[in-house]
């Protein structure tokens, strides 16, 4: 008997299996995306609530409120406390447990206020009475701009780093920033909007962002970079007395394009309601290792003077 068979051949089964596999992957992908979105909502909800339910209160009152909330979390939430204790004990091995608890709670208060100010950066940047800028680096920055040269501002997650860009803006200039996008789209939307209020362009980490960064600097722009995070492809350099993987990118750019590299810090004062923004002298041009080491020493000195103003949760020495 000629013609088709009543039985399905292997190729026919393969078609159906491929179709079923495709549908399964599609449904799985949709489910995973839905779960991820739901998780993002759940993680963002507490912060959204804290920022929203008291929006009728003054800026300072809301800032203090979020700071108090973060301080409580740092003192009573075990995972956060353990991570903090691990990092602080490395740098201050003689510190007692009670002192670590106090330091952790105070750091939480500082960082809660910092986050609130970044989320509301458009308003924060207009509060000129809170900012006092000084130091030889400020004059060096302005001199470079008069000459049409770009400037690299280097800082860390210390004090209120957005206060540095606020002072730059007060002097009629503007600093962009290098930024690592947040995976949670709700955080990302709010934080990026806040950072953009402090100055543009906002340049994402990665190749595309690096190319844009180079164009900005070569065009005479200013950019602020936080250099205190662990960088997997970096080199081991001393930081707070312990070797840490550190990015050399800022020093490399400063050397390659003959740009000043200026450490600057926004130190929280007056119970958190004012900021002394200090622009240190530009780091002398030598080589990328020496220059980056000099920045690490600069930031370390600031942290040792005000340890509660540094964000100890960065996992700076993980796997070291």
C-alpha atoms as a PDB file:
ATOM      1  CA  UNK A   1       0.000   0.000   0.000  1.00  0.00           C
ATOM      2  CA  UNK A   2       1.471   3.253  -1.058  1.00  0.00           C
ATOM      3  CA  UNK A   3       0.969   6.652   0.568  1.00  0.00           C
ATOM      4  CA  UNK A   4       1.335   7.858   4.127  1.00  0.00           C
ATOM      5  CA  UNK A   5       1.656   5.685   7.185  1.00  0.00           C
ATOM      6  CA  UNK A   6      -0.875   5.536   9.993  1.00  0.00           C
ATOM      7  CA  UNK A   7       2.034   5.845  12.458  1.00  0.00           C
ATOM      8  CA  UNK A   8       3.970   8.985  13.297  1.00  0.00           C
ATOM      9  CA  UNK A   9       7.610   8.932  12.285  1.00  0.00           C
ATOM     10  CA  UNK A  10      10.416  10.203  14.556  1.00  0.00           C
ATOM     11  CA  UNK A  11      10.528  13.493  12.670  1.00  0.00           C
ATOM     12  CA  UNK A  12       6.858  14.056  13.420  1.00  0.00           C
ATOM     13  CA  UNK A  13       7.445  13.437  17.126  1.00  0.00           C
ATOM     14  CA  UNK A  14      10.401  15.844  17.027  1.00  0.00           C
ATOM     15  CA  UNK A  15       8.198  18.594  15.675  1.00  0.00           C
ATOM     16  CA  UNK A  16       5.690  18.194  18.491  1.00  0.00           C
ATOM     17  CA  UNK A  17       8.422  17.872  21.099  1.00  0.00           C
ATOM     18  CA  UNK A  18      10.069  21.037  19.788  1.00  0.00           C
ATOM     19  CA  UNK A  19       6.725  22.847  19.835  1.00  0.00           C
ATOM     20  CA  UNK A  20       5.971  21.696  23.391  1.00  0.00           C
ATOM     21  CA  UNK A  21       9.487  22.613  24.504  1.00  0.00           C
ATOM     22  CA  UNK A  22       9.128  26.076  22.984  1.00  0.00           C
ATOM     23  CA  UNK A  23       5.778  26.628  24.699  1.00  0.00           C
ATOM     24  CA  UNK A  24       7.181  25.388  28.017  1.00  0.00           C
ATOM     25  CA  UNK A  25      10.146  27.737  27.772  1.00  0.00           C
ATOM     26  CA  UNK A  26       7.835  30.619  26.880  1.00  0.00           C
ATOM     27  CA  UNK A  27       5.539  29.954  29.830  1.00  0.00           C
ATOM     28  CA  UNK A  28       8.537  29.432  32.134  1.00  0.00           C
ATOM     29  CA  UNK A  29      10.070  32.687  30.982  1.00  0.00           C
ATOM     30  CA  UNK A  30       6.771  34.516  31.518  1.00  0.00           C
ATOM     31  CA  UNK A  31       6.388  32.987  34.974  1.00  0.00           C
ATOM     32  CA  UNK A  32       9.968  33.847  35.923  1.00  0.00           C
ATOM     33  CA  UNK A  33       9.509  37.408  34.698  1.00  0.00           C
ATOM     34  CA  UNK A  34       6.273  37.732  36.687  1.00  0.00           C
ATOM     35  CA  UNK A  35       7.883  36.350  39.838  1.00  0.00           C
ATOM     36  CA  UNK A  36      10.889  38.643  39.433  1.00  0.00           C
ATOM     37  CA  UNK A  37       8.609  41.648  38.980  1.00  0.00           C
ATOM     38  CA  UNK A  38       6.622  40.658  42.063  1.00  0.00           C
ATOM     39  CA  UNK A  39       9.822  40.263  44.073  1.00  0.00           C
ATOM     40  CA  UNK A  40      10.969  43.719  42.959  1.00  0.00           C
ATOM     41  CA  UNK A  41       7.636  45.130  44.160  1.00  0.00           C
ATOM     42  CA  UNK A  42       7.949  43.347  47.518  1.00  0.00           C
ATOM     43  CA  UNK A  43      11.508  44.570  48.080  1.00  0.00           C
ATOM     44  CA  UNK A  44      10.676  48.126  47.102  1.00  0.00           C
ATOM     45  CA  UNK A  45       7.408  48.379  49.048  1.00  0.00           C
ATOM     46  CA  UNK A  46       8.906  49.102  52.514  1.00  0.00           C
ATOM     47  CA  UNK A  47      11.034  51.935  51.141  1.00  0.00           C
ATOM     48  CA  UNK A  48       8.142  53.259  49.048  1.00  0.00           C
ATOM     49  CA  UNK A  49       5.959  53.251  52.154  1.00  0.00           C
ATOM     50  CA  UNK A  50       8.564  55.077  54.222  1.00  0.00           C
ATOM     51  CA  UNK A  51       8.970  57.714  51.508  1.00  0.00           C
ATOM     52  CA  UNK A  52       5.267  58.129  50.768  1.00  0.00           C
ATOM     53  CA  UNK A  53       3.182  57.994  53.940  1.00  0.00           C
ATOM     54  CA  UNK A  54       4.858  61.050  55.493  1.00  0.00           C
ATOM     55  CA  UNK A  55       5.296  63.140  52.340  1.00  0.00           C
ATOM     56  CA  UNK A  56       3.394  66.027  53.974  1.00  0.00           C
ATOM     57  CA  UNK A  57       6.184  66.498  56.517  1.00  0.00           C
ATOM     58  CA  UNK A  58       9.225  68.746  56.014  1.00  0.00           C
ATOM     59  CA  UNK A  59      12.294  67.630  54.062  1.00  0.00           C
ATOM     60  CA  UNK A  60      14.446  67.459  57.203  1.00  0.00           C
ATOM     61  CA  UNK A  61      11.816  65.563  59.174  1.00  0.00           C
ATOM     62  CA  UNK A  62      11.382  62.930  56.449  1.00  0.00           C
ATOM     63  CA  UNK A  63      15.143  62.633  56.070  1.00  0.00           C
ATOM     64  CA  UNK A  64      15.571  62.042  59.804  1.00  0.00           C
ATOM     65  CA  UNK A  65      12.693  59.557  59.760  1.00  0.00           C
ATOM     66  CA  UNK A  66      14.247  57.379  57.071  1.00  0.00           C
ATOM     67  CA  UNK A  67      17.584  57.647  58.854  1.00  0.00           C
ATOM     68  CA  UNK A  68      16.012  56.427  62.094  1.00  0.00           C
ATOM     69  CA  UNK A  69      14.411  53.514  60.232  1.00  0.00           C
ATOM     70  CA  UNK A  70      17.713  52.452  58.694  1.00  0.00           C
ATOM     71  CA  UNK A  71      19.420  52.786  62.064  1.00  0.00           C
ATOM     72  CA  UNK A  72      16.893  50.397  63.631  1.00  0.00           C
ATOM     73  CA  UNK A  73      17.418  47.919  60.786  1.00  0.00           C
ATOM     74  CA  UNK A  74      21.177  47.998  61.274  1.00  0.00           C
ATOM     75  CA  UNK A  75      20.848  47.351  64.994  1.00  0.00           C
ATOM     76  CA  UNK A  76      18.151  44.669  64.993  1.00  0.00           C
ATOM     77  CA  UNK A  77      18.234  42.900  61.603  1.00  0.00           C
ATOM     78  CA  UNK A  78      20.738  40.021  62.037  1.00  0.00           C
ATOM     79  CA  UNK A  79      21.915  39.624  58.387  1.00  0.00           C
ATOM     80  CA  UNK A  80      22.741  43.331  58.132  1.00  0.00           C
ATOM     81  CA  UNK A  81      24.391  43.373  61.546  1.00  0.00           C
ATOM     82  CA  UNK A  82      26.525  40.315  60.771  1.00  0.00           C
ATOM     83  CA  UNK A  83      27.811  41.772  57.514  1.00  0.00           C
ATOM     84  CA  UNK A  84      28.581  45.072  59.217  1.00  0.00           C
ATOM     85  CA  UNK A  85      30.352  43.356  62.136  1.00  0.00           C
ATOM     86  CA  UNK A  86      32.509  41.333  59.761  1.00  0.00           C
ATOM     87  CA  UNK A  87      33.781  44.412  57.922  1.00  0.00           C
ATOM     88  CA  UNK A  88      34.225  46.644  60.962  1.00  0.00           C
ATOM     89  CA  UNK A  89      36.006  43.936  62.977  1.00  0.00           C
ATOM     90  CA  UNK A  90      38.557  43.644  60.195  1.00  0.00           C
ATOM     91  CA  UNK A  91      39.482  47.323  60.470  1.00  0.00           C
ATOM     92  CA  UNK A  92      38.838  47.803  64.210  1.00  0.00           C
ATOM     93  CA  UNK A  93      39.627  44.406  65.783  1.00  0.00           C
ATOM     94  CA  UNK A  94      39.691  45.870  69.311  1.00  0.00           C
ATOM     95  CA  UNK A  95      36.250  47.481  69.078  1.00  0.00           C
ATOM     96  CA  UNK A  96      33.760  46.074  71.589  1.00  0.00           C
ATOM     97  CA  UNK A  97      30.427  44.613  70.546  1.00  0.00           C
ATOM     98  CA  UNK A  98      28.504  47.478  72.155  1.00  0.00           C
ATOM     99  CA  UNK A  99      30.606  50.022  70.261  1.00  0.00           C
ATOM    100  CA  UNK A 100      29.996  48.137  67.012  1.00  0.00           C
ATOM    101  CA  UNK A 101      26.254  48.219  67.687  1.00  0.00           C
ATOM    102  CA  UNK A 102      26.366  51.972  68.221  1.00  0.00           C
ATOM    103  CA  UNK A 103      28.519  52.508  65.143  1.00  0.00           C
ATOM    104  CA  UNK A 104      26.257  50.321  63.004  1.00  0.00           C
ATOM    105  CA  UNK A 105      23.135  52.144  64.118  1.00  0.00           C
ATOM    106  CA  UNK A 106      24.720  55.524  63.473  1.00  0.00           C
ATOM    107  CA  UNK A 107      25.908  54.400  60.027  1.00  0.00           C
ATOM    108  CA  UNK A 108      22.344  53.295  59.289  1.00  0.00           C
ATOM    109  CA  UNK A 109      21.028  56.720  60.262  1.00  0.00           C
ATOM    110  CA  UNK A 110      23.596  58.420  58.061  1.00  0.00           C
ATOM    111  CA  UNK A 111      22.871  56.215  55.045  1.00  0.00           C
ATOM    112  CA  UNK A 112      19.103  56.477  55.450  1.00  0.00           C
ATOM    113  CA  UNK A 113      19.386  60.240  55.244  1.00  0.00           C
ATOM    114  CA  UNK A 114      21.774  59.991  52.318  1.00  0.00           C
ATOM    115  CA  UNK A 115      19.375  57.765  50.393  1.00  0.00           C
ATOM    116  CA  UNK A 116      16.453  60.103  51.087  1.00  0.00           C
ATOM    117  CA  UNK A 117      18.464  63.083  49.829  1.00  0.00           C
ATOM    118  CA  UNK A 118      19.432  61.236  46.648  1.00  0.00           C
ATOM    119  CA  UNK A 119      15.824  60.203  46.008  1.00  0.00           C
ATOM    120  CA  UNK A 120      14.846  63.879  46.379  1.00  0.00           C
ATOM    121  CA  UNK A 121      17.978  65.324  44.794  1.00  0.00           C
ATOM    122  CA  UNK A 122      16.105  67.940  42.765  1.00  0.00           C
ATOM    123  CA  UNK A 123      15.025  69.594  46.021  1.00  0.00           C
ATOM    124  CA  UNK A 124      18.239  68.764  47.871  1.00  0.00           C
ATOM    125  CA  UNK A 125      20.402  70.507  45.255  1.00  0.00           C
ATOM    126  CA  UNK A 126      18.554  73.800  45.759  1.00  0.00           C
ATOM    127  CA  UNK A 127      19.270  73.984  49.508  1.00  0.00           C
ATOM    128  CA  UNK A 128      22.410  76.061  49.059  1.00  0.00           C
ATOM    129  CA  UNK A 129      22.486  77.161  52.693  1.00  0.00           C
ATOM    130  CA  UNK A 130      23.438  73.596  53.659  1.00  0.00           C
ATOM    131  CA  UNK A 131      26.629  73.424  51.574  1.00  0.00           C
ATOM    132  CA  UNK A 132      30.006  74.996  52.210  1.00  0.00           C
ATOM    133  CA  UNK A 133      32.719  74.135  49.696  1.00  0.00           C
ATOM    134  CA  UNK A 134      36.418  74.722  50.242  1.00  0.00           C
ATOM    135  CA  UNK A 135      39.897  73.394  49.555  1.00  0.00           C
ATOM    136  CA  UNK A 136      42.606  73.743  46.896  1.00  0.00           C
ATOM    137  CA  UNK A 137      40.890  71.250  44.633  1.00  0.00           C
ATOM    138  CA  UNK A 138      37.952  73.603  44.085  1.00  0.00           C
ATOM    139  CA  UNK A 139      40.231  76.262  42.601  1.00  0.00           C
ATOM    140  CA  UNK A 140      42.007  73.601  40.543  1.00  0.00           C
ATOM    141  CA  UNK A 141      38.662  72.432  39.190  1.00  0.00           C
ATOM    142  CA  UNK A 142      37.638  75.952  38.171  1.00  0.00           C
ATOM    143  CA  UNK A 143      41.044  76.661  36.609  1.00  0.00           C
ATOM    144  CA  UNK A 144      40.824  73.491  34.513  1.00  0.00           C
ATOM    145  CA  UNK A 145      37.345  74.448  33.319  1.00  0.00           C
ATOM    146  CA  UNK A 146      38.530  77.928  32.297  1.00  0.00           C
ATOM    147  CA  UNK A 147      41.163  76.188  30.147  1.00  0.00           C
ATOM    148  CA  UNK A 148      38.559  73.892  28.622  1.00  0.00           C
ATOM    149  CA  UNK A 149      39.954  70.783  30.305  1.00  0.00           C
ATOM    150  CA  UNK A 150      37.939  67.952  31.757  1.00  0.00           C
ATOM    151  CA  UNK A 151      38.117  67.046  35.449  1.00  0.00           C
ATOM    152  CA  UNK A 152      37.810  63.745  37.312  1.00  0.00           C
ATOM    153  CA  UNK A 153      36.340  63.986  40.816  1.00  0.00           C
ATOM    154  CA  UNK A 154      37.027  60.877  42.905  1.00  0.00           C
ATOM    155  CA  UNK A 155      35.172  60.053  46.095  1.00  0.00           C
ATOM    156  CA  UNK A 156      33.540  57.159  47.918  1.00  0.00           C
ATOM    157  CA  UNK A 157      30.305  56.127  49.611  1.00  0.00           C
ATOM    158  CA  UNK A 158      31.174  58.501  52.407  1.00  0.00           C
ATOM    159  CA  UNK A 159      29.105  61.290  53.946  1.00  0.00           C
ATOM    160  CA  UNK A 160      26.819  62.703  51.274  1.00  0.00           C
ATOM    161  CA  UNK A 161      28.665  62.329  47.990  1.00  0.00           C
ATOM    162  CA  UNK A 162      25.898  64.193  46.131  1.00  0.00           C
ATOM    163  CA  UNK A 163      26.813  67.286  48.161  1.00  0.00           C
ATOM    164  CA  UNK A 164      30.031  67.411  46.127  1.00  0.00           C
ATOM    165  CA  UNK A 165      28.101  67.796  42.884  1.00  0.00           C
ATOM    166  CA  UNK A 166      25.767  70.303  44.564  1.00  0.00           C
ATOM    167  CA  UNK A 167      28.719  72.585  45.353  1.00  0.00           C
ATOM    168  CA  UNK A 168      30.046  72.202  41.814  1.00  0.00           C
ATOM    169  CA  UNK A 169      26.636  73.276  40.509  1.00  0.00           C
ATOM    170  CA  UNK A 170      26.595  76.240  42.923  1.00  0.00           C
ATOM    171  CA  UNK A 171      29.742  77.484  41.154  1.00  0.00           C
ATOM    172  CA  UNK A 172      28.001  77.488  37.790  1.00  0.00           C
ATOM    173  CA  UNK A 173      29.449  74.154  36.654  1.00  0.00           C
ATOM    174  CA  UNK A 174      28.016  70.672  36.319  1.00  0.00           C
ATOM    175  CA  UNK A 175      29.379  67.207  37.006  1.00  0.00           C
ATOM    176  CA  UNK A 176      28.171  64.013  35.430  1.00  0.00           C
ATOM    177  CA  UNK A 177      28.576  60.731  37.272  1.00  0.00           C
ATOM    178  CA  UNK A 178      29.457  57.103  36.662  1.00  0.00           C
ATOM    179  CA  UNK A 179      26.640  54.868  37.848  1.00  0.00           C
ATOM    180  CA  UNK A 180      25.966  51.146  38.138  1.00  0.00           C
ATOM    181  CA  UNK A 181      22.292  50.542  37.229  1.00  0.00           C
ATOM    182  CA  UNK A 182      20.152  48.835  39.867  1.00  0.00           C
ATOM    183  CA  UNK A 183      18.549  45.519  38.939  1.00  0.00           C
ATOM    184  CA  UNK A 184      15.315  46.438  40.720  1.00  0.00           C
ATOM    185  CA  UNK A 185      13.453  48.638  38.228  1.00  0.00           C
ATOM    186  CA  UNK A 186      11.639  50.559  40.974  1.00  0.00           C
ATOM    187  CA  UNK A 187      14.850  51.515  42.758  1.00  0.00           C
ATOM    188  CA  UNK A 188      16.474  52.201  39.404  1.00  0.00           C
ATOM    189  CA  UNK A 189      13.778  54.632  38.297  1.00  0.00           C
ATOM    190  CA  UNK A 190      13.830  56.653  41.512  1.00  0.00           C
ATOM    191  CA  UNK A 191      17.576  56.652  42.077  1.00  0.00           C
ATOM    192  CA  UNK A 192      18.475  57.501  38.481  1.00  0.00           C
ATOM    193  CA  UNK A 193      15.984  60.378  38.445  1.00  0.00           C
ATOM    194  CA  UNK A 194      17.584  61.698  41.619  1.00  0.00           C
ATOM    195  CA  UNK A 195      21.131  61.363  40.337  1.00  0.00           C
ATOM    196  CA  UNK A 196      20.258  63.105  37.068  1.00  0.00           C
ATOM    197  CA  UNK A 197      18.973  66.067  39.084  1.00  0.00           C
ATOM    198  CA  UNK A 198      22.490  66.465  40.457  1.00  0.00           C
ATOM    199  CA  UNK A 199      24.075  66.796  37.021  1.00  0.00           C
ATOM    200  CA  UNK A 200      24.434  65.067  33.686  1.00  0.00           C
ATOM    201  CA  UNK A 201      25.457  62.963  31.884  1.00  0.00           C
ATOM    202  CA  UNK A 202      24.862  59.852  33.973  1.00  0.00           C
ATOM    203  CA  UNK A 203      27.145  57.192  32.528  1.00  0.00           C
ATOM    204  CA  UNK A 204      26.496  53.505  33.126  1.00  0.00           C
ATOM    205  CA  UNK A 205      29.406  51.211  33.886  1.00  0.00           C
ATOM    206  CA  UNK A 206      30.506  49.035  30.954  1.00  0.00           C
ATOM    207  CA  UNK A 207      31.974  49.574  27.485  1.00  0.00           C
ATOM    208  CA  UNK A 208      29.262  51.866  26.164  1.00  0.00           C
ATOM    209  CA  UNK A 209      29.439  54.020  29.269  1.00  0.00           C
ATOM    210  CA  UNK A 210      33.235  54.129  29.100  1.00  0.00           C
ATOM    211  CA  UNK A 211      33.194  55.427  25.528  1.00  0.00           C
ATOM    212  CA  UNK A 212      30.682  58.104  26.498  1.00  0.00           C
ATOM    213  CA  UNK A 213      32.801  58.975  29.537  1.00  0.00           C
ATOM    214  CA  UNK A 214      35.897  59.499  27.397  1.00  0.00           C
ATOM    215  CA  UNK A 215      33.964  61.733  24.981  1.00  0.00           C
ATOM    216  CA  UNK A 216      32.624  63.768  27.896  1.00  0.00           C
ATOM    217  CA  UNK A 217      36.050  64.276  29.460  1.00  0.00           C
ATOM    218  CA  UNK A 218      37.771  65.073  26.167  1.00  0.00           C
ATOM    219  CA  UNK A 219      35.062  67.645  25.539  1.00  0.00           C
ATOM    220  CA  UNK A 220      35.973  69.428  28.775  1.00  0.00           C
ATOM    221  CA  UNK A 221      33.334  67.869  31.010  1.00  0.00           C
ATOM    222  CA  UNK A 222      33.475  67.010  34.706  1.00  0.00           C
ATOM    223  CA  UNK A 223      32.679  63.532  35.990  1.00  0.00           C
ATOM    224  CA  UNK A 224      32.408  62.162  39.523  1.00  0.00           C
ATOM    225  CA  UNK A 225      33.435  58.562  40.236  1.00  0.00           C
ATOM    226  CA  UNK A 226      33.045  56.578  43.476  1.00  0.00           C
ATOM    227  CA  UNK A 227      36.125  54.370  43.715  1.00  0.00           C
ATOM    228  CA  UNK A 228      35.558  52.427  46.930  1.00  0.00           C
ATOM    229  CA  UNK A 229      33.710  49.383  45.570  1.00  0.00           C
ATOM    230  CA  UNK A 230      35.345  46.030  44.976  1.00  0.00           C
ATOM    231  CA  UNK A 231      36.474  45.736  41.342  1.00  0.00           C
ATOM    232  CA  UNK A 232      37.035  42.143  40.252  1.00  0.00           C
ATOM    233  CA  UNK A 233      39.497  43.100  37.498  1.00  0.00           C
ATOM    234  CA  UNK A 234      41.345  45.595  39.657  1.00  0.00           C
ATOM    235  CA  UNK A 235      44.635  45.341  41.502  1.00  0.00           C
ATOM    236  CA  UNK A 236      45.250  44.713  45.192  1.00  0.00           C
ATOM    237  CA  UNK A 237      46.008  47.968  46.965  1.00  0.00           C
ATOM    238  CA  UNK A 238      45.886  48.862  50.664  1.00  0.00           C
ATOM    239  CA  UNK A 239      42.567  50.288  51.846  1.00  0.00           C
ATOM    240  CA  UNK A 240      41.919  50.863  55.540  1.00  0.00           C
ATOM    241  CA  UNK A 241      44.973  48.751  56.270  1.00  0.00           C
ATOM    242  CA  UNK A 242      43.953  45.724  54.188  1.00  0.00           C
ATOM    243  CA  UNK A 243      44.519  44.844  50.543  1.00  0.00           C
ATOM    244  CA  UNK A 244      41.400  45.333  48.411  1.00  0.00           C
ATOM    245  CA  UNK A 245      40.727  44.900  44.699  1.00  0.00           C
ATOM    246  CA  UNK A 246      40.695  48.436  43.351  1.00  0.00           C
ATOM    247  CA  UNK A 247      39.890  49.976  39.972  1.00  0.00           C
ATOM    248  CA  UNK A 248      42.663  51.956  38.283  1.00  0.00           C
ATOM    249  CA  UNK A 249      40.312  53.521  35.733  1.00  0.00           C
ATOM    250  CA  UNK A 250      40.234  57.057  37.138  1.00  0.00           C
ATOM    251  CA  UNK A 251      44.022  57.337  37.292  1.00  0.00           C
ATOM    252  CA  UNK A 252      44.382  55.793  33.832  1.00  0.00           C
ATOM    253  CA  UNK A 253      42.028  58.371  32.338  1.00  0.00           C
ATOM    254  CA  UNK A 254      43.708  61.235  34.197  1.00  0.00           C
ATOM    255  CA  UNK A 255      47.114  60.212  32.862  1.00  0.00           C
ATOM    256  CA  UNK A 256      46.016  59.437  29.317  1.00  0.00           C
ATOM    257  CA  UNK A 257      44.171  62.725  28.791  1.00  0.00           C
ATOM    258  CA  UNK A 258      46.217  64.915  31.167  1.00  0.00           C
ATOM    259  CA  UNK A 259      43.315  65.710  33.490  1.00  0.00           C
ATOM    260  CA  UNK A 260      43.304  66.675  37.174  1.00  0.00           C
ATOM    261  CA  UNK A 261      42.105  63.910  39.509  1.00  0.00           C
ATOM    262  CA  UNK A 262      40.627  65.590  42.574  1.00  0.00           C
ATOM    263  CA  UNK A 263      39.470  63.800  45.759  1.00  0.00           C
ATOM    264  CA  UNK A 264      36.358  65.459  47.208  1.00  0.00           C
ATOM    265  CA  UNK A 265      34.121  64.601  50.158  1.00  0.00           C
ATOM    266  CA  UNK A 266      30.760  65.810  51.466  1.00  0.00           C
ATOM    267  CA  UNK A 267      31.092  65.538  55.255  1.00  0.00           C
ATOM    268  CA  UNK A 268      27.818  65.594  57.181  1.00  0.00           C
ATOM    269  CA  UNK A 269      27.773  68.236  59.943  1.00  0.00           C
ATOM    270  CA  UNK A 270      25.367  69.937  62.364  1.00  0.00           C
ATOM    271  CA  UNK A 271      23.459  66.776  63.306  1.00  0.00           C
ATOM    272  CA  UNK A 272      23.178  65.862  59.649  1.00  0.00           C
ATOM    273  CA  UNK A 273      21.610  69.087  58.382  1.00  0.00           C
ATOM    274  CA  UNK A 274      24.682  70.711  56.801  1.00  0.00           C
ATOM    275  CA  UNK A 275      27.675  69.631  54.730  1.00  0.00           C
ATOM    276  CA  UNK A 276      31.295  70.661  54.634  1.00  0.00           C
ATOM    277  CA  UNK A 277      32.458  69.787  51.131  1.00  0.00           C
ATOM    278  CA  UNK A 278      36.238  69.563  50.933  1.00  0.00           C
ATOM    279  CA  UNK A 279      38.081  69.440  47.623  1.00  0.00           C
ATOM    280  CA  UNK A 280      41.598  68.183  48.221  1.00  0.00           C
ATOM    281  CA  UNK A 281      44.545  69.128  46.029  1.00  0.00           C
ATOM    282  CA  UNK A 282      44.717  67.188  42.748  1.00  0.00           C
ATOM    283  CA  UNK A 283      46.656  63.943  43.067  1.00  0.00           C
ATOM    284  CA  UNK A 284      50.072  64.434  41.398  1.00  0.00           C
ATOM    285  CA  UNK A 285      50.482  62.647  38.069  1.00  0.00           C
ATOM    286  CA  UNK A 286      52.910  59.764  38.495  1.00  0.00           C
ATOM    287  CA  UNK A 287      51.612  56.322  37.532  1.00  0.00           C
ATOM    288  CA  UNK A 288      48.230  54.636  37.850  1.00  0.00           C
ATOM    289  CA  UNK A 289      49.209  52.515  40.867  1.00  0.00           C
ATOM    290  CA  UNK A 290      50.730  55.364  42.864  1.00  0.00           C
ATOM    291  CA  UNK A 291      47.830  57.704  42.101  1.00  0.00           C
ATOM    292  CA  UNK A 292      45.154  55.166  43.032  1.00  0.00           C
ATOM    293  CA  UNK A 293      47.051  54.271  46.191  1.00  0.00           C
ATOM    294  CA  UNK A 294      47.084  57.980  47.084  1.00  0.00           C
ATOM    295  CA  UNK A 295      43.311  58.141  46.690  1.00  0.00           C
ATOM    296  CA  UNK A 296      42.837  55.053  48.880  1.00  0.00           C
ATOM    297  CA  UNK A 297      44.954  56.723  51.555  1.00  0.00           C
ATOM    298  CA  UNK A 298      42.921  59.918  51.260  1.00  0.00           C
ATOM    299  CA  UNK A 299      39.574  58.142  51.649  1.00  0.00           C
ATOM    300  CA  UNK A 300      40.903  55.886  54.411  1.00  0.00           C
ATOM    301  CA  UNK A 301      41.930  58.944  56.432  1.00  0.00           C
ATOM    302  CA  UNK A 302      38.443  60.400  56.062  1.00  0.00           C
ATOM    303  CA  UNK A 303      36.831  57.139  57.178  1.00  0.00           C
ATOM    304  CA  UNK A 304      39.085  56.769  60.201  1.00  0.00           C
ATOM    305  CA  UNK A 305      38.117  60.296  61.244  1.00  0.00           C
ATOM    306  CA  UNK A 306      34.374  59.681  60.753  1.00  0.00           C
ATOM    307  CA  UNK A 307      33.779  55.907  60.511  1.00  0.00           C
ATOM    308  CA  UNK A 308      30.007  56.282  60.873  1.00  0.00           C
ATOM    309  CA  UNK A 309      29.897  58.219  57.589  1.00  0.00           C
ATOM    310  CA  UNK A 310      31.207  55.401  55.394  1.00  0.00           C
ATOM    311  CA  UNK A 311      28.936  52.676  54.020  1.00  0.00           C
ATOM    312  CA  UNK A 312      30.469  49.536  55.526  1.00  0.00           C
ATOM    313  CA  UNK A 313      28.151  47.174  53.625  1.00  0.00           C
ATOM    314  CA  UNK A 314      30.041  47.208  50.300  1.00  0.00           C
ATOM    315  CA  UNK A 315      31.702  43.775  50.825  1.00  0.00           C
ATOM    316  CA  UNK A 316      34.990  45.539  50.108  1.00  0.00           C
ATOM    317  CA  UNK A 317      37.153  42.594  51.117  1.00  0.00           C
ATOM    318  CA  UNK A 318      34.973  39.640  50.074  1.00  0.00           C
ATOM    319  CA  UNK A 319      36.967  36.506  49.199  1.00  0.00           C
ATOM    320  CA  UNK A 320      40.205  38.140  50.287  1.00  0.00           C
END
